[in-house]
Amino acid sequence: MTYVVTESCIKCKYTDCVDVCPTDAFREGPNFLAIDPDDCIDCTLCVAECPVDAIFAEDDVPKDQTRFIALNVELAKNWQPIVEKKDPLPEADEWGKVKDKFDLLEH
């Protein structure tokens, strides 16, 4: 089992999770983070760090978010690792509360 970043991260990109990841499993895109399942060791540390509750164990991903399981795998292949915390996107606080924003994901 691995952990998965879901829709809540889109247009927020808080990176608190990156600081606690012991294997540098996070990958960075323009407005979203992904977890590389090959690097994730299922330690759960990132879950509590996410201020928008965007990270779930693969088996616990909400039904309306399951497409993010495959999406994390796909994006992790093309995006570079992020290993240090950065500032969130400028309007992250507002976007963290928005639902149905999949179409805003930038690859």
Protein backbone atom coordinates (compact mmCIF):
# COMPACT_ATOMS: atom_id res chain seq x y z
CA MET A 1 0.00 0.00 0.00
CA THR A 2 1.14 3.54 -0.71
CA TYR A 3 -0.15 7.00 0.05
CA VAL A 4 -1.91 9.17 -2.51
CA VAL A 5 -2.29 12.91 -2.95
CA THR A 6 -5.85 13.82 -3.93
CA GLU A 7 -7.82 16.75 -5.34
CA SER A 8 -7.58 19.03 -2.30
CA CYS A 9 -3.93 19.67 -3.16
CA ILE A 10 -4.73 21.23 -6.55
CA LYS A 11 -3.91 24.95 -6.58
CA CYS A 12 -2.71 24.79 -2.95
CA LYS A 13 0.51 22.81 -3.01
CA TYR A 14 1.33 23.04 0.66
CA THR A 15 4.65 21.30 1.16
CA ASP A 16 4.59 20.57 4.89
CA CYS A 17 4.41 16.88 3.90
CA VAL A 18 7.72 17.08 2.08
CA ASP A 19 9.61 18.01 5.26
CA VAL A 20 8.59 14.83 7.07
CA CYS A 21 8.98 12.32 4.23
CA PRO A 22 11.96 10.08 5.04
CA THR A 23 12.28 8.76 1.47
CA ASP A 24 11.73 11.93 -0.60
CA ALA A 25 8.72 10.30 -2.28
CA PHE A 26 7.00 13.57 -3.23
CA ARG A 27 7.11 14.93 -6.76
CA GLU A 28 6.32 18.52 -7.69
CA GLY A 29 4.16 19.78 -10.51
CA PRO A 30 3.02 23.31 -11.32
CA ASN A 31 0.02 23.31 -8.94
CA PHE A 32 -0.06 19.84 -7.34
CA LEU A 33 2.14 17.31 -5.57
CA ALA A 34 2.21 13.58 -6.23
CA ILE A 35 3.67 10.65 -4.32
CA ASP A 36 5.89 8.15 -6.10
CA PRO A 37 4.58 4.76 -4.95
CA ASP A 38 7.97 3.18 -5.59
CA ASP A 39 9.55 5.47 -2.98
CA CYS A 40 6.71 5.64 -0.45
CA ILE A 41 7.28 3.36 2.57
CA ASP A 42 3.79 3.82 4.05
CA CYS A 43 5.07 5.59 7.15
CA THR A 44 1.96 7.85 7.47
CA LEU A 45 4.00 10.89 8.53
CA CYS A 46 2.77 13.06 5.66
CA VAL A 47 -0.93 12.56 6.39
CA ALA A 48 -1.03 14.63 9.57
CA GLU A 49 1.10 17.39 8.03
CA CYS A 50 -1.30 18.22 5.18
CA PRO A 51 -3.42 21.25 6.14
CA VAL A 52 -6.08 20.45 3.51
CA ASP A 53 -6.38 16.71 4.21
CA ALA A 54 -5.30 15.76 0.69
CA ILE A 55 -3.27 12.64 1.52
CA PHE A 56 -4.81 9.20 2.04
CA ALA A 57 -3.65 5.62 2.26
CA GLU A 58 -4.39 3.98 -1.09
CA ASP A 59 -7.04 1.74 0.48
CA ASP A 60 -8.72 4.75 2.13
CA VAL A 61 -8.93 7.12 -0.84
CA PRO A 62 -12.53 8.41 -1.03
CA LYS A 63 -14.52 6.80 -3.84
CA ASP A 64 -14.84 10.08 -5.73
CA GLN A 65 -11.04 10.47 -5.64
CA THR A 66 -9.88 7.04 -6.80
CA ARG A 67 -8.61 8.33 -10.15
CA PHE A 68 -5.85 10.02 -8.17
CA ILE A 69 -4.28 6.64 -7.39
CA ALA A 70 -3.27 6.09 -11.02
CA LEU A 71 -2.66 9.79 -11.52
CA ASN A 72 -0.03 9.90 -8.74
CA VAL A 73 1.77 6.99 -10.43
CA GLU A 74 1.68 8.69 -13.84
CA LEU A 75 2.74 12.14 -12.64
CA ALA A 76 5.50 10.81 -10.39
CA LYS A 77 7.21 9.34 -13.46
CA ASN A 78 7.52 12.76 -15.09
CA TRP A 79 7.90 15.21 -12.22
CA GLN A 80 11.02 15.95 -10.23
CA PRO A 81 11.41 15.15 -6.53
CA ILE A 82 10.75 17.93 -4.06
CA VAL A 83 12.85 17.54 -0.93
CA GLU A 84 12.48 20.89 0.86
CA LYS A 85 9.45 22.79 2.05
CA LYS A 86 8.44 25.75 -0.11
CA ASP A 87 5.79 28.42 0.23
CA PRO A 88 2.32 27.29 -0.85
CA LEU A 89 0.71 28.81 -3.91
CA PRO A 90 -0.49 32.40 -3.34
CA GLU A 91 -4.20 31.65 -2.86
CA ALA A 92 -3.77 28.24 -1.22
CA ASP A 93 -5.99 29.02 1.76
CA GLU A 94 -8.95 29.81 -0.49
CA TRP A 95 -8.36 26.91 -2.91
CA GLY A 96 -8.03 24.39 -0.10
CA LYS A 97 -11.76 24.64 0.53
CA VAL A 98 -12.81 24.34 -3.13
CA LYS A 99 -14.23 21.04 -4.40
CA ASP A 100 -14.39 19.68 -7.95
CA LYS A 101 -11.23 21.31 -9.24
CA PHE A 102 -9.73 18.37 -11.16
CA ASP A 103 -9.93 20.34 -14.41
CA LEU A 104 -7.55 22.91 -12.92
CA LEU A 105 -4.72 20.41 -12.48
CA GLU A 106 -1.69 21.44 -14.51
CA HIS A 107 0.53 18.64 -15.80
